[in-house]
Amino acid sequence: MSLPRVFLLDSFGTVEDVVAGLRGTPAEVVAADEVPAGPGVVALLLGPETELSAAQVRALPDLRVVAVTSAGFDHVPLGAVTRQGAWVTANAGYCTEEVADHTIALVLGLLRGVTMLDRSVRAGRWDVTEAAPRRIAGTAYGLAGYGRIGQAVAARAVALGMRVSAYAPSRDDEAFRRSGVTRCRDLTELLGASDVVSLHLPLTPRTHGLFDGAAFAAMRPGAFLVNVARGALVDHTALVAALRSGHLSGAALDVLPVEPPPVGDPLLECPGLVLNPHAAWYSPAALTRPYRQSGGYVADVLAGLAPAGAVARPMTGEA
């Protein structure tokens, strides 16, 4: 009898890490570039760069679990997967410390003008006012989103003496009282009160393009924007306009709607903009953790257990 097949669809992961996560559960683990079809496939380990369609799900009659190897799962058709009788799991928390550290690094780099000053020196200039570095302590820092990562960022910012506020309508008040972070009741209030704003929101129909021209107009003149969440949260045409007009002093983006950006993308020539290659999550530890955890979730499902990382449960079978 053939072994159930598990397909790894993530160029960063290794079969060895998935096998280690399976904890001896009999399965054939296959690294692939394309979503498979046909019987015998019980699990997909799906990276953030691989879109999964409802038609592809329907072509997998034995599917038991889609284990997303990232924290976000907006590239998975949840309804199609759960109707197929399968679980969806995600890896929230596997890179919380890395993303929080990277966020603070980008924020400090913008406020102190580190990247812009480097560019000016390399261009033959020697002038601290090219970027006008700002004092960190006392800076009004706004967090759009206050989940695991937002709270980790807040702890770091408070330790640096920044005045931190956050907008997170689904969070209870206790999460704010514990940390000393000020709660903003709407996004406009947060934007108008902040010298720098970082994004820590999931991508949903409601948040898609949330940071548009109106949002940038609501931000303080001279403020900064940092996005380490999802590229499509930001209307990049509006962001370029806000930077070129001088209304925003700068921005740092670790995520884009299209990665890498195409040749000729206005972002590549935009003043005051720092771009990173979706690197906030990365460290040697974070490189292996999601694949081992996802392998463990697959093992749980094959053993008839509810996986710890579940974000959607099957409509049939284990439901």
C-alpha atoms as a PDB file:
ATOM      1  CA  MET A   1       0.000   0.000   0.000  1.00  0.00           C
ATOM      2  CA  SER A   2       1.424   3.382  -1.004  1.00  0.00           C
ATOM      3  CA  LEU A   3       2.210   5.996   1.608  1.00  0.00           C
ATOM      4  CA  PRO A   4       0.084   9.159   1.869  1.00  0.00           C
ATOM      5  CA  ARG A   5       1.827  11.991   0.042  1.00  0.00           C
ATOM      6  CA  VAL A   6       2.720  15.375   1.498  1.00  0.00           C
ATOM      7  CA  PHE A   7       3.748  18.114  -0.941  1.00  0.00           C
ATOM      8  CA  LEU A   8       6.070  20.930   0.104  1.00  0.00           C
ATOM      9  CA  LEU A   9       5.376  24.026  -2.025  1.00  0.00           C
ATOM     10  CA  ASP A  10       7.820  26.512  -0.537  1.00  0.00           C
ATOM     11  CA  SER A  11      11.257  27.204  -1.968  1.00  0.00           C
ATOM     12  CA  PHE A  12      12.695  28.079   1.468  1.00  0.00           C
ATOM     13  CA  GLY A  13      11.727  24.798   3.119  1.00  0.00           C
ATOM     14  CA  THR A  14      13.424  21.411   3.071  1.00  0.00           C
ATOM     15  CA  VAL A  15      11.994  17.911   2.999  1.00  0.00           C
ATOM     16  CA  GLU A  16      14.239  17.036   5.955  1.00  0.00           C
ATOM     17  CA  ASP A  17      12.604  19.651   8.199  1.00  0.00           C
ATOM     18  CA  VAL A  18       9.110  18.490   7.260  1.00  0.00           C
ATOM     19  CA  VAL A  19      10.055  14.861   7.936  1.00  0.00           C
ATOM     20  CA  ALA A  20      11.442  15.866  11.332  1.00  0.00           C
ATOM     21  CA  GLY A  21       8.146  17.583  12.122  1.00  0.00           C
ATOM     22  CA  LEU A  22       6.130  14.486  11.165  1.00  0.00           C
ATOM     23  CA  ARG A  23       7.628  12.705  14.212  1.00  0.00           C
ATOM     24  CA  GLY A  24       7.749   9.285  12.547  1.00  0.00           C
ATOM     25  CA  THR A  25       4.322   9.476  10.898  1.00  0.00           C
ATOM     26  CA  PRO A  26       4.530   7.346   7.716  1.00  0.00           C
ATOM     27  CA  ALA A  27       4.300   9.641   4.677  1.00  0.00           C
ATOM     28  CA  GLU A  28       6.090  10.429   1.447  1.00  0.00           C
ATOM     29  CA  VAL A  29       7.248  14.062   1.453  1.00  0.00           C
ATOM     30  CA  VAL A  30       7.774  15.622  -1.979  1.00  0.00           C
ATOM     31  CA  ALA A  31       9.218  19.059  -2.761  1.00  0.00           C
ATOM     32  CA  ALA A  32       7.403  20.534  -5.775  1.00  0.00           C
ATOM     33  CA  ASP A  33       7.087  23.757  -7.756  1.00  0.00           C
ATOM     34  CA  GLU A  34       3.439  23.255  -8.741  1.00  0.00           C
ATOM     35  CA  VAL A  35       0.295  22.226  -6.901  1.00  0.00           C
ATOM     36  CA  PRO A  36      -0.312  18.511  -7.562  1.00  0.00           C
ATOM     37  CA  ALA A  37      -3.576  16.834  -8.540  1.00  0.00           C
ATOM     38  CA  GLY A  38      -5.095  13.408  -8.094  1.00  0.00           C
ATOM     39  CA  PRO A  39      -5.610  10.894  -5.281  1.00  0.00           C
ATOM     40  CA  GLY A  40      -3.171  10.079  -2.523  1.00  0.00           C
ATOM     41  CA  VAL A  41      -2.210  13.679  -1.690  1.00  0.00           C
ATOM     42  CA  VAL A  42      -3.170  14.241   1.954  1.00  0.00           C
ATOM     43  CA  ALA A  43      -1.358  17.498   2.698  1.00  0.00           C
ATOM     44  CA  LEU A  44       0.005  20.620   1.077  1.00  0.00           C
ATOM     45  CA  LEU A  45       2.650  22.694   2.854  1.00  0.00           C
ATOM     46  CA  LEU A  46       1.968  25.976   1.125  1.00  0.00           C
ATOM     47  CA  GLY A  47       4.415  28.885   1.076  1.00  0.00           C
ATOM     48  CA  PRO A  48       3.238  32.510   0.846  1.00  0.00           C
ATOM     49  CA  GLU A  49       4.391  32.776  -2.782  1.00  0.00           C
ATOM     50  CA  THR A  50       2.110  29.926  -3.977  1.00  0.00           C
ATOM     51  CA  GLU A  51      -1.508  30.799  -4.726  1.00  0.00           C
ATOM     52  CA  LEU A  52      -4.006  27.981  -4.263  1.00  0.00           C
ATOM     53  CA  SER A  53      -7.243  27.994  -6.265  1.00  0.00           C
ATOM     54  CA  ALA A  54     -10.570  26.333  -5.517  1.00  0.00           C
ATOM     55  CA  ALA A  55     -10.211  24.262  -8.693  1.00  0.00           C
ATOM     56  CA  GLN A  56      -6.854  22.930  -7.507  1.00  0.00           C
ATOM     57  CA  VAL A  57      -8.395  21.987  -4.168  1.00  0.00           C
ATOM     58  CA  ARG A  58     -11.233  20.100  -5.868  1.00  0.00           C
ATOM     59  CA  ALA A  59      -8.635  18.105  -7.822  1.00  0.00           C
ATOM     60  CA  LEU A  60      -7.303  16.650  -4.536  1.00  0.00           C
ATOM     61  CA  PRO A  61      -9.940  14.145  -3.326  1.00  0.00           C
ATOM     62  CA  ASP A  62      -7.839  12.858  -0.404  1.00  0.00           C
ATOM     63  CA  LEU A  63      -6.729  16.244   0.907  1.00  0.00           C
ATOM     64  CA  ARG A  64      -6.762  16.404   4.705  1.00  0.00           C
ATOM     65  CA  VAL A  65      -4.828  19.592   5.508  1.00  0.00           C
ATOM     66  CA  VAL A  66      -3.359  22.696   3.887  1.00  0.00           C
ATOM     67  CA  ALA A  67      -0.523  23.742   6.191  1.00  0.00           C
ATOM     68  CA  VAL A  68       0.503  27.305   5.380  1.00  0.00           C
ATOM     69  CA  THR A  69       4.174  27.829   6.198  1.00  0.00           C
ATOM     70  CA  SER A  70       3.715  31.549   6.908  1.00  0.00           C
ATOM     71  CA  ALA A  71       1.631  33.498   9.397  1.00  0.00           C
ATOM     72  CA  GLY A  72      -0.709  34.914   6.727  1.00  0.00           C
ATOM     73  CA  PHE A  73      -3.121  32.689   4.819  1.00  0.00           C
ATOM     74  CA  ASP A  74      -4.942  35.101   2.493  1.00  0.00           C
ATOM     75  CA  HIS A  75      -3.692  33.097  -0.520  1.00  0.00           C
ATOM     76  CA  VAL A  76      -5.758  30.051   0.508  1.00  0.00           C
ATOM     77  CA  PRO A  77      -9.439  29.612  -0.530  1.00  0.00           C
ATOM     78  CA  LEU A  78     -10.644  28.662   2.950  1.00  0.00           C
ATOM     79  CA  GLY A  79     -14.181  27.763   1.879  1.00  0.00           C
ATOM     80  CA  ALA A  80     -13.001  25.397  -0.850  1.00  0.00           C
ATOM     81  CA  VAL A  81     -10.556  23.666   1.490  1.00  0.00           C
ATOM     82  CA  THR A  82     -13.004  23.197   4.349  1.00  0.00           C
ATOM     83  CA  ARG A  83     -15.745  21.980   1.971  1.00  0.00           C
ATOM     84  CA  GLN A  84     -13.240  19.380   0.810  1.00  0.00           C
ATOM     85  CA  GLY A  85     -13.139  18.148   4.399  1.00  0.00           C
ATOM     86  CA  ALA A  86      -9.659  19.491   5.136  1.00  0.00           C
ATOM     87  CA  TRP A  87      -8.058  21.675   7.774  1.00  0.00           C
ATOM     88  CA  VAL A  88      -6.118  24.879   7.191  1.00  0.00           C
ATOM     89  CA  THR A  89      -3.241  25.649   9.552  1.00  0.00           C
ATOM     90  CA  ALA A  90      -0.866  28.598   9.739  1.00  0.00           C
ATOM     91  CA  ASN A  91       2.340  29.455  11.557  1.00  0.00           C
ATOM     92  CA  ALA A  92       1.449  32.528  13.565  1.00  0.00           C
ATOM     93  CA  GLY A  93       4.245  33.356  15.958  1.00  0.00           C
ATOM     94  CA  TYR A  94       7.097  31.525  14.265  1.00  0.00           C
ATOM     95  CA  CYS A  95       8.891  34.784  13.417  1.00  0.00           C
ATOM     96  CA  THR A  96       7.346  37.273  15.854  1.00  0.00           C
ATOM     97  CA  GLU A  97      10.684  38.285  17.359  1.00  0.00           C
ATOM     98  CA  GLU A  98      12.351  38.663  13.964  1.00  0.00           C
ATOM     99  CA  VAL A  99       9.565  40.823  12.506  1.00  0.00           C
ATOM    100  CA  ALA A 100       9.393  42.976  15.642  1.00  0.00           C
ATOM    101  CA  ASP A 101      13.155  43.523  15.563  1.00  0.00           C
ATOM    102  CA  HIS A 102      13.103  44.340  11.851  1.00  0.00           C
ATOM    103  CA  THR A 103      10.223  46.767  12.314  1.00  0.00           C
ATOM    104  CA  ILE A 104      12.090  48.681  14.989  1.00  0.00           C
ATOM    105  CA  ALA A 105      15.235  48.667  12.826  1.00  0.00           C
ATOM    106  CA  LEU A 106      13.291  50.249   9.957  1.00  0.00           C
ATOM    107  CA  VAL A 107      11.610  52.768  12.256  1.00  0.00           C
ATOM    108  CA  LEU A 108      14.921  53.827  13.807  1.00  0.00           C
ATOM    109  CA  GLY A 109      16.545  53.956  10.390  1.00  0.00           C
ATOM    110  CA  LEU A 110      13.852  56.340   9.136  1.00  0.00           C
ATOM    111  CA  LEU A 111      13.824  58.555  12.205  1.00  0.00           C
ATOM    112  CA  ARG A 112      17.619  58.811  12.291  1.00  0.00           C
ATOM    113  CA  GLY A 113      17.934  58.978   8.505  1.00  0.00           C
ATOM    114  CA  VAL A 114      20.498  56.167   8.399  1.00  0.00           C
ATOM    115  CA  THR A 115      19.831  54.985   4.846  1.00  0.00           C
ATOM    116  CA  MET A 116      19.276  58.442   3.396  1.00  0.00           C
ATOM    117  CA  LEU A 117      22.498  59.762   4.946  1.00  0.00           C
ATOM    118  CA  ASP A 118      24.404  56.794   3.552  1.00  0.00           C
ATOM    119  CA  ARG A 119      23.029  57.531   0.081  1.00  0.00           C
ATOM    120  CA  SER A 120      23.948  61.200   0.348  1.00  0.00           C
ATOM    121  CA  VAL A 121      27.540  60.461   1.415  1.00  0.00           C
ATOM    122  CA  ARG A 122      27.975  58.010  -1.467  1.00  0.00           C
ATOM    123  CA  ALA A 123      26.667  60.736  -3.786  1.00  0.00           C
ATOM    124  CA  GLY A 124      29.457  63.057  -2.620  1.00  0.00           C
ATOM    125  CA  ARG A 125      27.609  65.122  -0.028  1.00  0.00           C
ATOM    126  CA  TRP A 126      28.464  65.527   3.682  1.00  0.00           C
ATOM    127  CA  ASP A 127      25.437  67.149   5.301  1.00  0.00           C
ATOM    128  CA  VAL A 128      23.490  65.913   8.343  1.00  0.00           C
ATOM    129  CA  THR A 129      20.459  67.945   7.268  1.00  0.00           C
ATOM    130  CA  GLU A 130      20.009  65.722   4.203  1.00  0.00           C
ATOM    131  CA  ALA A 131      17.861  63.535   6.441  1.00  0.00           C
ATOM    132  CA  ALA A 132      17.528  65.694   9.586  1.00  0.00           C
ATOM    133  CA  PRO A 133      17.832  62.876  12.178  1.00  0.00           C
ATOM    134  CA  ARG A 134      15.221  63.002  14.922  1.00  0.00           C
ATOM    135  CA  ARG A 135      15.320  62.141  18.636  1.00  0.00           C
ATOM    136  CA  ILE A 136      13.814  58.711  19.302  1.00  0.00           C
ATOM    137  CA  ALA A 137      12.651  59.246  22.902  1.00  0.00           C
ATOM    138  CA  GLY A 138       9.332  61.032  22.927  1.00  0.00           C
ATOM    139  CA  THR A 139       8.447  60.097  19.336  1.00  0.00           C
ATOM    140  CA  ALA A 140       4.741  59.373  18.881  1.00  0.00           C
ATOM    141  CA  TYR A 141       4.612  55.857  17.438  1.00  0.00           C
ATOM    142  CA  GLY A 142       1.356  54.412  16.083  1.00  0.00           C
ATOM    143  CA  LEU A 143       0.690  50.719  15.473  1.00  0.00           C
ATOM    144  CA  ALA A 144      -2.023  49.723  12.999  1.00  0.00           C
ATOM    145  CA  GLY A 145      -2.758  46.265  14.395  1.00  0.00           C
ATOM    146  CA  TYR A 146      -1.962  44.943  17.859  1.00  0.00           C
ATOM    147  CA  GLY A 147      -1.600  41.171  17.664  1.00  0.00           C
ATOM    148  CA  ARG A 148       1.492  39.158  18.561  1.00  0.00           C
ATOM    149  CA  ILE A 149       3.826  41.200  16.381  1.00  0.00           C
ATOM    150  CA  GLY A 150       2.272  44.563  17.194  1.00  0.00           C
ATOM    151  CA  GLN A 151       2.587  43.897  20.901  1.00  0.00           C
ATOM    152  CA  ALA A 152       6.218  42.775  20.525  1.00  0.00           C
ATOM    153  CA  VAL A 153       6.992  45.960  18.588  1.00  0.00           C
ATOM    154  CA  ALA A 154       5.241  48.060  21.232  1.00  0.00           C
ATOM    155  CA  ALA A 155       7.379  46.558  24.010  1.00  0.00           C
ATOM    156  CA  ARG A 156      10.544  47.505  22.134  1.00  0.00           C
ATOM    157  CA  ALA A 157       9.309  51.006  21.339  1.00  0.00           C
ATOM    158  CA  VAL A 158       8.273  51.679  24.944  1.00  0.00           C
ATOM    159  CA  ALA A 159      11.738  50.558  26.091  1.00  0.00           C
ATOM    160  CA  LEU A 160      13.215  53.194  23.766  1.00  0.00           C
ATOM    161  CA  GLY A 161      11.103  55.915  25.375  1.00  0.00           C
ATOM    162  CA  MET A 162       8.618  56.297  22.547  1.00  0.00           C
ATOM    163  CA  ARG A 163       4.983  57.238  23.195  1.00  0.00           C
ATOM    164  CA  VAL A 164       3.054  54.308  21.714  1.00  0.00           C
ATOM    165  CA  SER A 165      -0.567  54.104  20.610  1.00  0.00           C
ATOM    166  CA  ALA A 166      -2.381  51.433  18.619  1.00  0.00           C
ATOM    167  CA  TYR A 167      -5.518  50.853  16.589  1.00  0.00           C
ATOM    168  CA  ALA A 168      -6.940  47.327  16.877  1.00  0.00           C
ATOM    169  CA  PRO A 169     -10.746  47.196  17.008  1.00  0.00           C
ATOM    170  CA  SER A 170     -10.896  43.467  17.817  1.00  0.00           C
ATOM    171  CA  ARG A 171      -8.559  43.633  20.831  1.00  0.00           C
ATOM    172  CA  ASP A 172      -9.918  43.921  24.357  1.00  0.00           C
ATOM    173  CA  ASP A 173      -8.934  46.826  26.582  1.00  0.00           C
ATOM    174  CA  GLU A 174      -6.888  44.612  28.898  1.00  0.00           C
ATOM    175  CA  ALA A 175      -4.204  44.092  26.218  1.00  0.00           C
ATOM    176  CA  PHE A 176      -3.659  47.858  26.228  1.00  0.00           C
ATOM    177  CA  ARG A 177      -3.777  48.333  30.006  1.00  0.00           C
ATOM    178  CA  ARG A 178      -1.075  45.697  30.545  1.00  0.00           C
ATOM    179  CA  SER A 179       1.367  47.390  28.197  1.00  0.00           C
ATOM    180  CA  GLY A 180       0.719  51.070  28.813  1.00  0.00           C
ATOM    181  CA  VAL A 181      -0.098  51.548  25.122  1.00  0.00           C
ATOM    182  CA  THR A 182      -2.783  54.131  24.345  1.00  0.00           C
ATOM    183  CA  ARG A 183      -5.802  52.802  22.487  1.00  0.00           C
ATOM    184  CA  CYS A 184      -7.086  54.722  19.449  1.00  0.00           C
ATOM    185  CA  ARG A 185     -10.734  54.089  18.659  1.00  0.00           C
ATOM    186  CA  ASP A 186     -10.351  54.641  14.908  1.00  0.00           C
ATOM    187  CA  LEU A 187      -7.599  54.695  12.328  1.00  0.00           C
ATOM    188  CA  THR A 188      -7.899  58.411  11.612  1.00  0.00           C
ATOM    189  CA  GLU A 189      -7.195  59.195  15.265  1.00  0.00           C
ATOM    190  CA  LEU A 190      -4.070  57.005  15.175  1.00  0.00           C
ATOM    191  CA  LEU A 191      -2.759  58.565  11.972  1.00  0.00           C
ATOM    192  CA  GLY A 192      -3.238  62.114  13.165  1.00  0.00           C
ATOM    193  CA  ALA A 193      -1.493  61.432  16.476  1.00  0.00           C
ATOM    194  CA  SER A 194       1.642  59.651  15.182  1.00  0.00           C
ATOM    195  CA  ASP A 195       5.078  60.692  13.936  1.00  0.00           C
ATOM    196  CA  VAL A 196       5.617  57.194  12.552  1.00  0.00           C
ATOM    197  CA  VAL A 197       3.109  54.428  11.810  1.00  0.00           C
ATOM    198  CA  SER A 198       3.845  50.740  11.245  1.00  0.00           C
ATOM    199  CA  LEU A 199       1.407  48.204   9.804  1.00  0.00           C
ATOM    200  CA  HIS A 200       0.673  44.864  11.471  1.00  0.00           C
ATOM    201  CA  LEU A 201      -2.709  44.002   9.961  1.00  0.00           C
ATOM    202  CA  PRO A 202      -3.945  40.916   8.090  1.00  0.00           C
ATOM    203  CA  LEU A 203      -4.968  41.350   4.465  1.00  0.00           C
ATOM    204  CA  THR A 204      -8.754  41.103   4.146  1.00  0.00           C
ATOM    205  CA  PRO A 205     -11.310  42.685   1.796  1.00  0.00           C
ATOM    206  CA  ARG A 206     -11.740  45.412   4.433  1.00  0.00           C
ATOM    207  CA  THR A 207      -8.040  46.180   4.795  1.00  0.00           C
ATOM    208  CA  HIS A 208      -7.076  45.889   1.114  1.00  0.00           C
ATOM    209  CA  GLY A 209      -5.790  49.337   0.070  1.00  0.00           C
ATOM    210  CA  LEU A 210      -6.656  50.717   3.512  1.00  0.00           C
ATOM    211  CA  PHE A 211      -3.673  53.065   3.400  1.00  0.00           C
ATOM    212  CA  ASP A 212      -4.780  55.214   0.479  1.00  0.00           C
ATOM    213  CA  GLY A 213      -4.635  58.895  -0.363  1.00  0.00           C
ATOM    214  CA  ALA A 214      -7.159  59.781   2.340  1.00  0.00           C
ATOM    215  CA  ALA A 215      -5.170  57.868   4.966  1.00  0.00           C
ATOM    216  CA  PHE A 216      -1.920  59.584   3.999  1.00  0.00           C
ATOM    217  CA  ALA A 217      -3.640  62.974   4.078  1.00  0.00           C
ATOM    218  CA  ALA A 218      -4.725  62.177   7.653  1.00  0.00           C
ATOM    219  CA  MET A 219      -1.120  61.539   8.713  1.00  0.00           C
ATOM    220  CA  ARG A 220       0.954  64.301  10.260  1.00  0.00           C
ATOM    221  CA  PRO A 221       3.040  66.319   7.790  1.00  0.00           C
ATOM    222  CA  GLY A 222       6.542  64.885   7.852  1.00  0.00           C
ATOM    223  CA  ALA A 223       5.452  61.514   9.274  1.00  0.00           C
ATOM    224  CA  PHE A 224       6.853  58.109   8.285  1.00  0.00           C
ATOM    225  CA  LEU A 225       5.201  54.830   7.240  1.00  0.00           C
ATOM    226  CA  VAL A 226       6.552  51.286   7.744  1.00  0.00           C
ATOM    227  CA  ASN A 227       4.909  48.191   6.248  1.00  0.00           C
ATOM    228  CA  VAL A 228       6.068  44.712   7.282  1.00  0.00           C
ATOM    229  CA  ALA A 229       2.646  43.059   6.966  1.00  0.00           C
ATOM    230  CA  ARG A 230       1.096  42.707   3.492  1.00  0.00           C
ATOM    231  CA  GLY A 231       1.932  44.743   0.405  1.00  0.00           C
ATOM    232  CA  ALA A 232      -1.675  45.185  -0.697  1.00  0.00           C
ATOM    233  CA  LEU A 233      -2.572  47.043   2.505  1.00  0.00           C
ATOM    234  CA  VAL A 234      -1.035  50.115   0.851  1.00  0.00           C
ATOM    235  CA  ASP A 235      -2.098  51.991  -2.280  1.00  0.00           C
ATOM    236  CA  HIS A 236       1.403  52.491  -3.660  1.00  0.00           C
ATOM    237  CA  THR A 237       0.377  55.097  -6.220  1.00  0.00           C
ATOM    238  CA  ALA A 238      -0.943  57.216  -3.359  1.00  0.00           C
ATOM    239  CA  LEU A 239       2.179  56.522  -1.288  1.00  0.00           C
ATOM    240  CA  VAL A 240       4.483  57.668  -4.085  1.00  0.00           C
ATOM    241  CA  ALA A 241       2.418  60.854  -4.418  1.00  0.00           C
ATOM    242  CA  ALA A 242       2.587  61.526  -0.665  1.00  0.00           C
ATOM    243  CA  LEU A 243       6.373  61.062  -0.659  1.00  0.00           C
ATOM    244  CA  ARG A 244       6.999  63.148  -3.763  1.00  0.00           C
ATOM    245  CA  SER A 245       4.839  65.968  -2.437  1.00  0.00           C
ATOM    246  CA  GLY A 246       6.811  65.990   0.821  1.00  0.00           C
ATOM    247  CA  HIS A 247       3.724  65.352   2.952  1.00  0.00           C
ATOM    248  CA  LEU A 248       5.426  62.179   4.190  1.00  0.00           C
ATOM    249  CA  SER A 249       9.115  62.401   5.026  1.00  0.00           C
ATOM    250  CA  GLY A 250       9.778  58.775   4.247  1.00  0.00           C
ATOM    251  CA  ALA A 251       8.604  55.184   4.235  1.00  0.00           C
ATOM    252  CA  ALA A 252      10.062  51.698   4.549  1.00  0.00           C
ATOM    253  CA  LEU A 253       8.462  48.709   2.817  1.00  0.00           C
ATOM    254  CA  ASP A 254       9.426  45.102   3.416  1.00  0.00           C
ATOM    255  CA  VAL A 255       6.420  43.786   1.454  1.00  0.00           C
ATOM    256  CA  LEU A 256       5.025  44.677  -1.975  1.00  0.00           C
ATOM    257  CA  PRO A 257       2.004  43.528  -4.010  1.00  0.00           C
ATOM    258  CA  VAL A 258       4.392  42.173  -6.666  1.00  0.00           C
ATOM    259  CA  GLU A 259       7.686  40.747  -5.432  1.00  0.00           C
ATOM    260  CA  PRO A 260      10.243  41.563  -6.693  1.00  0.00           C
ATOM    261  CA  PRO A 261       9.053  44.907  -8.090  1.00  0.00           C
ATOM    262  CA  PRO A 262       9.091  45.077 -11.899  1.00  0.00           C
ATOM    263  CA  VAL A 263      11.588  47.203 -13.789  1.00  0.00           C
ATOM    264  CA  GLY A 264      10.261  50.751 -14.013  1.00  0.00           C
ATOM    265  CA  ASP A 265       8.140  50.535 -10.871  1.00  0.00           C
ATOM    266  CA  PRO A 266       7.886  54.139  -9.519  1.00  0.00           C
ATOM    267  CA  LEU A 267       8.722  52.826  -6.045  1.00  0.00           C
ATOM    268  CA  LEU A 268      12.281  52.128  -7.188  1.00  0.00           C
ATOM    269  CA  GLU A 269      12.910  55.814  -7.903  1.00  0.00           C
ATOM    270  CA  CYS A 270      10.830  57.326  -5.121  1.00  0.00           C
ATOM    271  CA  PRO A 271      12.588  59.761  -2.741  1.00  0.00           C
ATOM    272  CA  GLY A 272      12.695  58.895   0.937  1.00  0.00           C
ATOM    273  CA  LEU A 273      11.735  55.255   0.393  1.00  0.00           C
ATOM    274  CA  VAL A 274      13.602  52.263   1.854  1.00  0.00           C
ATOM    275  CA  LEU A 275      12.866  48.876   0.249  1.00  0.00           C
ATOM    276  CA  ASN A 276      13.679  45.442   1.687  1.00  0.00           C
ATOM    277  CA  PRO A 277      13.179  42.054  -0.047  1.00  0.00           C
ATOM    278  CA  HIS A 278      10.490  40.633   2.303  1.00  0.00           C
ATOM    279  CA  ALA A 279      13.227  39.969   4.852  1.00  0.00           C
ATOM    280  CA  ALA A 280      11.596  40.849   8.186  1.00  0.00           C
ATOM    281  CA  TRP A 281      10.712  37.239   8.976  1.00  0.00           C
ATOM    282  CA  TYR A 282      14.166  35.823   8.316  1.00  0.00           C
ATOM    283  CA  SER A 283      16.714  34.348  10.707  1.00  0.00           C
ATOM    284  CA  PRO A 284      18.385  30.922  10.705  1.00  0.00           C
ATOM    285  CA  ALA A 285      15.960  29.774  13.426  1.00  0.00           C
ATOM    286  CA  ALA A 286      12.905  31.100  11.618  1.00  0.00           C
ATOM    287  CA  LEU A 287      14.021  29.382   8.431  1.00  0.00           C
ATOM    288  CA  THR A 288      13.393  25.888   9.845  1.00  0.00           C
ATOM    289  CA  ARG A 289      10.683  26.424  12.457  1.00  0.00           C
ATOM    290  CA  PRO A 290       7.591  26.763  10.190  1.00  0.00           C
ATOM    291  CA  TYR A 291       8.355  23.575   8.251  1.00  0.00           C
ATOM    292  CA  ARG A 292       8.838  21.504  11.362  1.00  0.00           C
ATOM    293  CA  GLN A 293       5.709  22.994  12.915  1.00  0.00           C
ATOM    294  CA  SER A 294       3.721  22.391   9.726  1.00  0.00           C
ATOM    295  CA  GLY A 295       4.961  18.803   9.614  1.00  0.00           C
ATOM    296  CA  GLY A 296       3.683  18.438  13.172  1.00  0.00           C
ATOM    297  CA  TYR A 297       0.273  19.786  12.165  1.00  0.00           C
ATOM    298  CA  VAL A 298       0.105  17.226   9.349  1.00  0.00           C
ATOM    299  CA  ALA A 299       1.019  14.468  11.813  1.00  0.00           C
ATOM    300  CA  ASP A 300      -1.774  15.623  14.144  1.00  0.00           C
ATOM    301  CA  VAL A 301      -4.382  15.538  11.376  1.00  0.00           C
ATOM    302  CA  LEU A 302      -3.302  12.099  10.148  1.00  0.00           C
ATOM    303  CA  ALA A 303      -3.604  10.868  13.744  1.00  0.00           C
ATOM    304  CA  GLY A 304      -7.178  12.170  13.927  1.00  0.00           C
ATOM    305  CA  LEU A 305      -6.306  15.128  16.160  1.00  0.00           C
ATOM    306  CA  ALA A 306      -7.134  18.823  15.818  1.00  0.00           C
ATOM    307  CA  PRO A 307      -3.875  20.585  14.838  1.00  0.00           C
ATOM    308  CA  ALA A 308      -2.673  23.320  17.175  1.00  0.00           C
ATOM    309  CA  GLY A 309      -2.159  25.804  14.337  1.00  0.00           C
ATOM    310  CA  ALA A 310      -5.686  25.494  12.899  1.00  0.00           C
ATOM    311  CA  VAL A 311      -7.249  28.607  11.356  1.00  0.00           C
ATOM    312  CA  ALA A 312     -10.117  26.790   9.611  1.00  0.00           C
ATOM    313  CA  ARG A 313     -11.712  23.416  10.325  1.00  0.00           C
ATOM    314  CA  PRO A 314     -13.242  20.933   7.884  1.00  0.00           C
ATOM    315  CA  MET A 315     -16.965  21.104   7.187  1.00  0.00           C
ATOM    316  CA  THR A 316     -17.108  17.301   7.125  1.00  0.00           C
ATOM    317  CA  GLY A 317     -15.167  14.491   8.739  1.00  0.00           C
ATOM    318  CA  GLU A 318     -13.365  15.916  11.784  1.00  0.00           C
ATOM    319  CA  ALA A 319     -15.590  18.987  12.015  1.00  0.00           C
END
